[in-house]
């Protein structure tokens, strides 16, 4: 089954601030989450319920998986040095 993807407004603004080439790369990885919410290389964040991170080069996508309603909520997108703050 396919999951729906939603963005928090802050995550969408963060994505729009990135260069176009990186935006496309991140967008394709996020779209792939529809079919596989836990792809190879994703890791669960400690201390957070249902929160995972996806690595895209030097950038990270922080997202939550809500399996009961088949929803992926993108919480944060940013450079690896700043995204966890």
PDB file of N, CA and C in Angstrom:
ATOM      1  N   UNK A   1       0.829  -1.187   0.000  1.00  0.00           N
ATOM      2  CA  UNK A   1       0.000   0.000   0.000  1.00  0.00           C
ATOM      3  C   UNK A   1       0.870   1.247   0.000  1.00  0.00           C
ATOM      4  N   UNK A   2       0.363   2.271  -0.609  1.00  0.00           N
ATOM      5  CA  UNK A   2       1.110   3.516  -0.696  1.00  0.00           C
ATOM      6  C   UNK A   2       0.766   4.434   0.476  1.00  0.00           C
ATOM      7  N   UNK A   3       1.778   5.046   1.015  1.00  0.00           N
ATOM      8  CA  UNK A   3       1.615   6.010   2.088  1.00  0.00           C
ATOM      9  C   UNK A   3       1.409   7.397   1.484  1.00  0.00           C
ATOM     10  N   UNK A   4       0.657   8.245   2.149  1.00  0.00           N
ATOM     11  CA  UNK A   4       0.526   9.648   1.763  1.00  0.00           C
ATOM     12  C   UNK A   4       1.679  10.413   2.407  1.00  0.00           C
ATOM     13  N   UNK A   5       2.122  11.462   1.752  1.00  0.00           N
ATOM     14  CA  UNK A   5       3.221  12.269   2.280  1.00  0.00           C
ATOM     15  C   UNK A   5       2.720  13.676   2.536  1.00  0.00           C
ATOM     16  N   UNK A   6       2.995  14.178   3.741  1.00  0.00           N
ATOM     17  CA  UNK A   6       2.675  15.558   4.101  1.00  0.00           C
ATOM     18  C   UNK A   6       3.939  16.216   4.641  1.00  0.00           C
ATOM     19  N   UNK A   7       4.014  17.522   4.452  1.00  0.00           N
ATOM     20  CA  UNK A   7       5.150  18.301   4.943  1.00  0.00           C
ATOM     21  C   UNK A   7       4.663  19.264   6.010  1.00  0.00           C
ATOM     22  N   UNK A   8       5.452  19.426   7.056  1.00  0.00           N
ATOM     23  CA  UNK A   8       5.211  20.536   7.965  1.00  0.00           C
ATOM     24  C   UNK A   8       5.605  21.799   7.207  1.00  0.00           C
ATOM     25  N   UNK A   9       4.941  22.929   7.470  1.00  0.00           N
ATOM     26  CA  UNK A   9       5.278  24.159   6.725  1.00  0.00           C
ATOM     27  C   UNK A   9       6.755  24.532   6.818  1.00  0.00           C
ATOM     28  N   UNK A  10       7.368  24.339   7.972  1.00  0.00           N
ATOM     29  CA  UNK A  10       8.789  24.677   8.127  1.00  0.00           C
ATOM     30  C   UNK A  10       9.659  23.787   7.249  1.00  0.00           C
ATOM     31  N   UNK A  11       9.322  22.511   7.138  1.00  0.00           N
ATOM     32  CA  UNK A  11      10.100  21.591   6.306  1.00  0.00           C
ATOM     33  C   UNK A  11       9.993  21.973   4.834  1.00  0.00           C
ATOM     34  N   UNK A  12       8.812  22.398   4.415  1.00  0.00           N
ATOM     35  CA  UNK A  12       8.638  22.819   3.027  1.00  0.00           C
ATOM     36  C   UNK A  12       9.457  24.069   2.726  1.00  0.00           C
ATOM     37  N   UNK A  13       9.486  25.015   3.659  1.00  0.00           N
ATOM     38  CA  UNK A  13      10.310  26.216   3.480  1.00  0.00           C
ATOM     39  C   UNK A  13      11.793  25.863   3.422  1.00  0.00           C
ATOM     40  N   UNK A  14      12.219  24.914   4.263  1.00  0.00           N
ATOM     41  CA  UNK A  14      13.625  24.496   4.264  1.00  0.00           C
ATOM     42  C   UNK A  14      14.002  23.869   2.932  1.00  0.00           C
ATOM     43  N   UNK A  15      13.107  23.079   2.370  1.00  0.00           N
ATOM     44  CA  UNK A  15      13.365  22.442   1.075  1.00  0.00           C
ATOM     45  C   UNK A  15      13.466  23.488  -0.025  1.00  0.00           C
ATOM     46  N   UNK A  16      12.602  24.486   0.000  1.00  0.00           N
ATOM     47  CA  UNK A  16      12.599  25.523  -1.035  1.00  0.00           C
ATOM     48  C   UNK A  16      13.849  26.394  -1.001  1.00  0.00           C
ATOM     49  N   UNK A  17      14.519  26.488   0.142  1.00  0.00           N
ATOM     50  CA  UNK A  17      15.733  27.307   0.265  1.00  0.00           C
ATOM     51  C   UNK A  17      16.965  26.624  -0.327  1.00  0.00           C
ATOM     52  N   UNK A  18      16.883  25.329  -0.553  1.00  0.00           N
ATOM     53  CA  UNK A  18      18.043  24.586  -1.055  1.00  0.00           C
ATOM     54  C   UNK A  18      18.205  24.796  -2.560  1.00  0.00           C
ATOM     55  N   UNK A  19      19.424  24.575  -3.096  1.00  0.00           N
ATOM     56  CA  UNK A  19      19.637  24.668  -4.545  1.00  0.00           C
ATOM     57  C   UNK A  19      18.774  23.650  -5.304  1.00  0.00           C
ATOM     58  N   UNK A  20      18.396  24.002  -6.530  1.00  0.00           N
ATOM     59  CA  UNK A  20      17.484  23.179  -7.333  1.00  0.00           C
ATOM     60  C   UNK A  20      17.945  21.725  -7.485  1.00  0.00           C
ATOM     61  N   UNK A  21      19.203  21.519  -7.738  1.00  0.00           N
ATOM     62  CA  UNK A  21      19.718  20.167  -7.951  1.00  0.00           C
ATOM     63  C   UNK A  21      19.534  19.313  -6.692  1.00  0.00           C
ATOM     64  N   UNK A  22      19.781  19.884  -5.555  1.00  0.00           N
ATOM     65  CA  UNK A  22      19.622  19.163  -4.289  1.00  0.00           C
ATOM     66  C   UNK A  22      18.142  18.958  -3.986  1.00  0.00           C
ATOM     67  N   UNK A  23      17.314  19.954  -4.315  1.00  0.00           N
ATOM     68  CA  UNK A  23      15.868  19.812  -4.133  1.00  0.00           C
ATOM     69  C   UNK A  23      15.338  18.594  -4.891  1.00  0.00           C
ATOM     70  N   UNK A  24      15.764  18.450  -6.132  1.00  0.00           N
ATOM     71  CA  UNK A  24      15.304  17.328  -6.958  1.00  0.00           C
ATOM     72  C   UNK A  24      15.741  15.992  -6.369  1.00  0.00           C
ATOM     73  N   UNK A  25      16.966  15.935  -5.906  1.00  0.00           N
ATOM     74  CA  UNK A  25      17.484  14.696  -5.325  1.00  0.00           C
ATOM     75  C   UNK A  25      16.718  14.321  -4.059  1.00  0.00           C
ATOM     76  N   UNK A  26      16.470  15.300  -3.200  1.00  0.00           N
ATOM     77  CA  UNK A  26      15.736  15.051  -1.961  1.00  0.00           C
ATOM     78  C   UNK A  26      14.283  14.699  -2.266  1.00  0.00           C
ATOM     79  N   UNK A  27      13.672  15.403  -3.215  1.00  0.00           N
ATOM     80  CA  UNK A  27      12.277  15.136  -3.568  1.00  0.00           C
ATOM     81  C   UNK A  27      12.096  13.712  -4.086  1.00  0.00           C
ATOM     82  N   UNK A  28      13.050  13.225  -4.873  1.00  0.00           N
ATOM     83  CA  UNK A  28      12.921  11.860  -5.386  1.00  0.00           C
ATOM     84  C   UNK A  28      13.026  10.834  -4.258  1.00  0.00           C
ATOM     85  N   UNK A  29      13.877  11.099  -3.272  1.00  0.00           N
ATOM     86  CA  UNK A  29      13.991  10.193  -2.114  1.00  0.00           C
ATOM     87  C   UNK A  29      12.713  10.215  -1.279  1.00  0.00           C
ATOM     88  N   UNK A  30      12.128  11.396  -1.116  1.00  0.00           N
ATOM     89  CA  UNK A  30      10.892  11.509  -0.338  1.00  0.00           C
ATOM     90  C   UNK A  30       9.746  10.803  -1.066  1.00  0.00           C
ATOM     91  N   UNK A  31       9.670  10.946  -2.386  1.00  0.00           N
ATOM     92  CA  UNK A  31       8.629  10.261  -3.157  1.00  0.00           C
ATOM     93  C   UNK A  31       8.752   8.751  -3.034  1.00  0.00           C
ATOM     94  N   UNK A  32       9.971   8.253  -2.954  1.00  0.00           N
ATOM     95  CA  UNK A  32      10.182   6.810  -2.821  1.00  0.00           C
ATOM     96  C   UNK A  32       9.677   6.288  -1.478  1.00  0.00           C
ATOM     97  N   UNK A  33       9.543   7.170  -0.483  1.00  0.00           N
ATOM     98  CA  UNK A  33       9.031   6.752   0.814  1.00  0.00           C
ATOM     99  C   UNK A  33       7.577   6.300   0.742  1.00  0.00           C
ATOM    100  N   UNK A  34       6.857   6.704  -0.297  1.00  0.00           N
ATOM    101  CA  UNK A  34       5.454   6.275  -0.463  1.00  0.00           C
ATOM    102  C   UNK A  34       5.344   4.754  -0.462  1.00  0.00           C
ATOM    103  N   UNK A  35       6.257   4.113  -1.138  1.00  0.00           N
ATOM    104  CA  UNK A  35       6.192   2.665  -1.308  1.00  0.00           C
ATOM    105  C   UNK A  35       7.024   1.914  -0.288  1.00  0.00           C
ATOM    106  N   UNK A  36       8.101   2.526   0.192  1.00  0.00           N
ATOM    107  CA  UNK A  36       8.965   1.882   1.179  1.00  0.00           C
ATOM    108  C   UNK A  36       9.321   2.909   2.251  1.00  0.00           C
ATOM    109  N   UNK A  37       8.542   2.979   3.351  1.00  0.00           N
ATOM    110  CA  UNK A  37       8.794   4.001   4.364  1.00  0.00           C
ATOM    111  C   UNK A  37      10.081   3.777   5.172  1.00  0.00           C
ATOM    112  N   UNK A  38      10.658   2.598   5.075  1.00  0.00           N
ATOM    113  CA  UNK A  38      11.897   2.297   5.794  1.00  0.00           C
ATOM    114  C   UNK A  38      12.940   1.763   4.807  1.00  0.00           C
ATOM    115  N   UNK A  39      13.443   2.617   3.919  1.00  0.00           N
ATOM    116  CA  UNK A  39      14.418   2.150   2.924  1.00  0.00           C
ATOM    117  C   UNK A  39      15.758   1.807   3.573  1.00  0.00           C
ATOM    118  N   UNK A  40      16.595   1.144   2.816  1.00  0.00           N
ATOM    119  CA  UNK A  40      17.932   0.822   3.302  1.00  0.00           C
ATOM    120  C   UNK A  40      18.671   2.121   3.620  1.00  0.00           C
ATOM    121  N   UNK A  41      19.302   2.163   4.769  1.00  0.00           N
ATOM    122  CA  UNK A  41      20.060   3.341   5.166  1.00  0.00           C
ATOM    123  C   UNK A  41      19.310   4.289   6.080  1.00  0.00           C
ATOM    124  N   UNK A  42      18.013   4.127   6.237  1.00  0.00           N
ATOM    125  CA  UNK A  42      17.295   5.007   7.165  1.00  0.00           C
ATOM    126  C   UNK A  42      17.531   4.506   8.585  1.00  0.00           C
ATOM    127  N   UNK A  43      17.496   5.425   9.527  1.00  0.00           N
ATOM    128  CA  UNK A  43      17.735   5.054  10.914  1.00  0.00           C
ATOM    129  C   UNK A  43      16.687   5.691  11.808  1.00  0.00           C
ATOM    130  N   UNK A  44      16.301   4.964  12.833  1.00  0.00           N
ATOM    131  CA  UNK A  44      15.351   5.488  13.812  1.00  0.00           C
ATOM    132  C   UNK A  44      16.091   6.420  14.753  1.00  0.00           C
ATOM    133  N   UNK A  45      15.474   7.556  15.068  1.00  0.00           N
ATOM    134  CA  UNK A  45      16.073   8.505  15.992  1.00  0.00           C
ATOM    135  C   UNK A  45      15.762   8.097  17.422  1.00  0.00           C
ATOM    136  N   UNK A  46      16.757   8.135  18.264  1.00  0.00           N
ATOM    137  CA  UNK A  46      16.587   7.765  19.668  1.00  0.00           C
ATOM    138  C   UNK A  46      15.809   8.846  20.406  1.00  0.00           C
ATOM    139  N   UNK A  47      14.940   8.431  21.292  1.00  0.00           N
ATOM    140  CA  UNK A  47      14.188   9.375  22.101  1.00  0.00           C
ATOM    141  C   UNK A  47      12.968   9.956  21.421  1.00  0.00           C
ATOM    142  N   UNK A  48      12.714   9.572  20.199  1.00  0.00           N
ATOM    143  CA  UNK A  48      11.562  10.078  19.452  1.00  0.00           C
ATOM    144  C   UNK A  48      10.714   8.897  18.991  1.00  0.00           C
ATOM    145  N   UNK A  49       9.422   8.974  19.202  1.00  0.00           N
ATOM    146  CA  UNK A  49       8.532   7.894  18.783  1.00  0.00           C
ATOM    147  C   UNK A  49       8.234   8.000  17.286  1.00  0.00           C
ATOM    148  N   UNK A  50       8.423   6.925  16.575  1.00  0.00           N
ATOM    149  CA  UNK A  50       8.108   6.829  15.142  1.00  0.00           C
ATOM    150  C   UNK A  50       8.830   7.869  14.289  1.00  0.00           C
ATOM    151  N   UNK A  51       9.987   8.321  14.701  1.00  0.00           N
ATOM    152  CA  UNK A  51      10.735   9.332  13.956  1.00  0.00           C
ATOM    153  C   UNK A  51      11.990   8.704  13.362  1.00  0.00           C
ATOM    154  N   UNK A  52      12.178   8.934  12.079  1.00  0.00           N
ATOM    155  CA  UNK A  52      13.280   8.339  11.327  1.00  0.00           C
ATOM    156  C   UNK A  52      14.044   9.420  10.597  1.00  0.00           C
ATOM    157  N   UNK A  53      15.270   9.087  10.185  1.00  0.00           N
ATOM    158  CA  UNK A  53      16.049  10.014   9.371  1.00  0.00           C
ATOM    159  C   UNK A  53      16.479   9.309   8.101  1.00  0.00           C
ATOM    160  N   UNK A  54      16.496  10.083   7.036  1.00  0.00           N
ATOM    161  CA  UNK A  54      16.916   9.596   5.729  1.00  0.00           C
ATOM    162  C   UNK A  54      18.089  10.448   5.280  1.00  0.00           C
ATOM    163  N   UNK A  55      19.142   9.803   4.856  1.00  0.00           N
ATOM    164  CA  UNK A  55      20.353  10.510   4.449  1.00  0.00           C
ATOM    165  C   UNK A  55      20.338  10.728   2.939  1.00  0.00           C
ATOM    166  N   UNK A  56      20.589  11.978   2.523  1.00  0.00           N
ATOM    167  CA  UNK A  56      20.716  12.331   1.108  1.00  0.00           C
ATOM    168  C   UNK A  56      21.960  13.204   1.001  1.00  0.00           C
ATOM    169  N   UNK A  57      23.096  12.572   0.705  1.00  0.00           N
ATOM    170  CA  UNK A  57      24.400  13.244   0.695  1.00  0.00           C
ATOM    171  C   UNK A  57      24.658  13.926   2.031  1.00  0.00           C
ATOM    172  N   UNK A  58      24.886  15.248   2.044  1.00  0.00           N
ATOM    173  CA  UNK A  58      25.153  15.968   3.290  1.00  0.00           C
ATOM    174  C   UNK A  58      23.879  16.478   3.948  1.00  0.00           C
ATOM    175  N   UNK A  59      22.739  16.101   3.412  1.00  0.00           N
ATOM    176  CA  UNK A  59      21.459  16.566   3.938  1.00  0.00           C
ATOM    177  C   UNK A  59      20.709  15.419   4.595  1.00  0.00           C
ATOM    178  N   UNK A  60      19.827  15.792   5.523  1.00  0.00           N
ATOM    179  CA  UNK A  60      19.029  14.797   6.223  1.00  0.00           C
ATOM    180  C   UNK A  60      17.562  15.184   6.143  1.00  0.00           C
ATOM    181  N   UNK A  61      16.720  14.164   5.996  1.00  0.00           N
ATOM    182  CA  UNK A  61      15.274  14.340   6.017  1.00  0.00           C
ATOM    183  C   UNK A  61      14.780  13.634   7.275  1.00  0.00           C
ATOM    184  N   UNK A  62      14.172  14.378   8.173  1.00  0.00           N
ATOM    185  CA  UNK A  62      13.614  13.816   9.401  1.00  0.00           C
ATOM    186  C   UNK A  62      12.116  13.647   9.160  1.00  0.00           C
ATOM    187  N   UNK A  63      11.623  12.430   9.348  1.00  0.00           N
ATOM    188  CA  UNK A  63      10.203  12.177   9.084  1.00  0.00           C
ATOM    189  C   UNK A  63       9.616  11.228  10.110  1.00  0.00           C
ATOM    190  N   UNK A  64       8.290  11.290  10.237  1.00  0.00           N
ATOM    191  CA  UNK A  64       7.556  10.416  11.136  1.00  0.00           C
ATOM    192  C   UNK A  64       6.656   9.515  10.318  1.00  0.00           C
ATOM    193  N   UNK A  65       6.585   8.256  10.716  1.00  0.00           N
ATOM    194  CA  UNK A  65       5.741   7.285  10.031  1.00  0.00           C
ATOM    195  C   UNK A  65       4.555   6.973  10.935  1.00  0.00           C
ATOM    196  N   UNK A  66       3.367   7.204  10.411  1.00  0.00           N
ATOM    197  CA  UNK A  66       2.140   6.888  11.128  1.00  0.00           C
ATOM    198  C   UNK A  66       1.460   5.750  10.379  1.00  0.00           C
ATOM    199  N   UNK A  67       1.814   4.523  10.769  1.00  0.00           N
ATOM    200  CA  UNK A  67       1.389   3.339  10.034  1.00  0.00           C
ATOM    201  C   UNK A  67      -0.116   3.109  10.106  1.00  0.00           C
ATOM    202  N   UNK A  68      -0.751   3.522  11.180  1.00  0.00           N
ATOM    203  CA  UNK A  68      -2.184   3.292  11.330  1.00  0.00           C
ATOM    204  C   UNK A  68      -3.014   3.989  10.269  1.00  0.00           C
ATOM    205  N   UNK A  69      -2.548   5.164   9.822  1.00  0.00           N
ATOM    206  CA  UNK A  69      -3.298   5.908   8.808  1.00  0.00           C
ATOM    207  C   UNK A  69      -2.513   6.051   7.498  1.00  0.00           C
ATOM    208  N   UNK A  70      -1.427   5.296   7.363  1.00  0.00           N
ATOM    209  CA  UNK A  70      -0.589   5.295   6.161  1.00  0.00           C
ATOM    210  C   UNK A  70      -0.160   6.715   5.773  1.00  0.00           C
ATOM    211  N   UNK A  71       0.522   7.376   6.709  1.00  0.00           N
ATOM    212  CA  UNK A  71       0.954   8.750   6.503  1.00  0.00           C
ATOM    213  C   UNK A  71       2.420   8.900   6.866  1.00  0.00           C
ATOM    214  N   UNK A  72       3.146   9.642   6.032  1.00  0.00           N
ATOM    215  CA  UNK A  72       4.527  10.021   6.324  1.00  0.00           C
ATOM    216  C   UNK A  72       4.536  11.541   6.444  1.00  0.00           C
ATOM    217  N   UNK A  73       4.963  12.036   7.596  1.00  0.00           N
ATOM    218  CA  UNK A  73       5.009  13.463   7.864  1.00  0.00           C
ATOM    219  C   UNK A  73       6.470  13.902   7.877  1.00  0.00           C
ATOM    220  N   UNK A  74       6.852  14.725   6.902  1.00  0.00           N
ATOM    221  CA  UNK A  74       8.220  15.247   6.834  1.00  0.00           C
ATOM    222  C   UNK A  74       8.315  16.414   7.813  1.00  0.00           C
ATOM    223  N   UNK A  75       9.177  16.266   8.811  1.00  0.00           N
ATOM    224  CA  UNK A  75       9.273  17.224   9.907  1.00  0.00           C
ATOM    225  C   UNK A  75      10.356  18.260   9.668  1.00  0.00           C
ATOM    226  N   UNK A  76      11.513  17.835   9.143  1.00  0.00           N
ATOM    227  CA  UNK A  76      12.664  18.716   9.053  1.00  0.00           C
ATOM    228  C   UNK A  76      13.550  18.285   7.895  1.00  0.00           C
ATOM    229  N   UNK A  77      14.109  19.250   7.186  1.00  0.00           N
ATOM    230  CA  UNK A  77      15.059  18.987   6.099  1.00  0.00           C
ATOM    231  C   UNK A  77      16.198  19.976   6.261  1.00  0.00           C
ATOM    232  N   UNK A  78      17.431  19.484   6.229  1.00  0.00           N
ATOM    233  CA  UNK A  78      18.548  20.415   6.348  1.00  0.00           C
ATOM    234  C   UNK A  78      19.894  19.738   6.292  1.00  0.00           C
ATOM    235  N   UNK A  79      20.916  20.556   6.397  1.00  0.00           N
ATOM    236  CA  UNK A  79      22.278  20.062   6.399  1.00  0.00           C
ATOM    237  C   UNK A  79      22.502  19.221   7.649  1.00  0.00           C
ATOM    238  N   UNK A  80      23.343  18.237   7.543  1.00  0.00           N
ATOM    239  CA  UNK A  80      23.549  17.288   8.649  1.00  0.00           C
ATOM    240  C   UNK A  80      24.063  17.958   9.907  1.00  0.00           C
ATOM    241  N   UNK A  81      24.757  19.078   9.795  1.00  0.00           N
ATOM    242  CA  UNK A  81      25.271  19.767  10.974  1.00  0.00           C
ATOM    243  C   UNK A  81      24.184  20.523  11.731  1.00  0.00           C
ATOM    244  N   UNK A  82      23.095  20.888  11.060  1.00  0.00           N
ATOM    245  CA  UNK A  82      22.103  21.762  11.662  1.00  0.00           C
ATOM    246  C   UNK A  82      20.746  21.113  11.886  1.00  0.00           C
ATOM    247  N   UNK A  83      20.466  20.007  11.249  1.00  0.00           N
ATOM    248  CA  UNK A  83      19.106  19.458  11.232  1.00  0.00           C
ATOM    249  C   UNK A  83      18.647  18.899  12.563  1.00  0.00           C
ATOM    250  N   UNK A  84      19.556  18.478  13.410  1.00  0.00           N
ATOM    251  CA  UNK A  84      19.168  17.839  14.673  1.00  0.00           C
ATOM    252  C   UNK A  84      18.948  18.834  15.802  1.00  0.00           C
ATOM    253  N   UNK A  85      19.206  20.091  15.584  1.00  0.00           N
ATOM    254  CA  UNK A  85      19.051  21.118  16.625  1.00  0.00           C
ATOM    255  C   UNK A  85      17.617  21.525  16.791  1.00  0.00           C
TER     256      UNK A  85
END
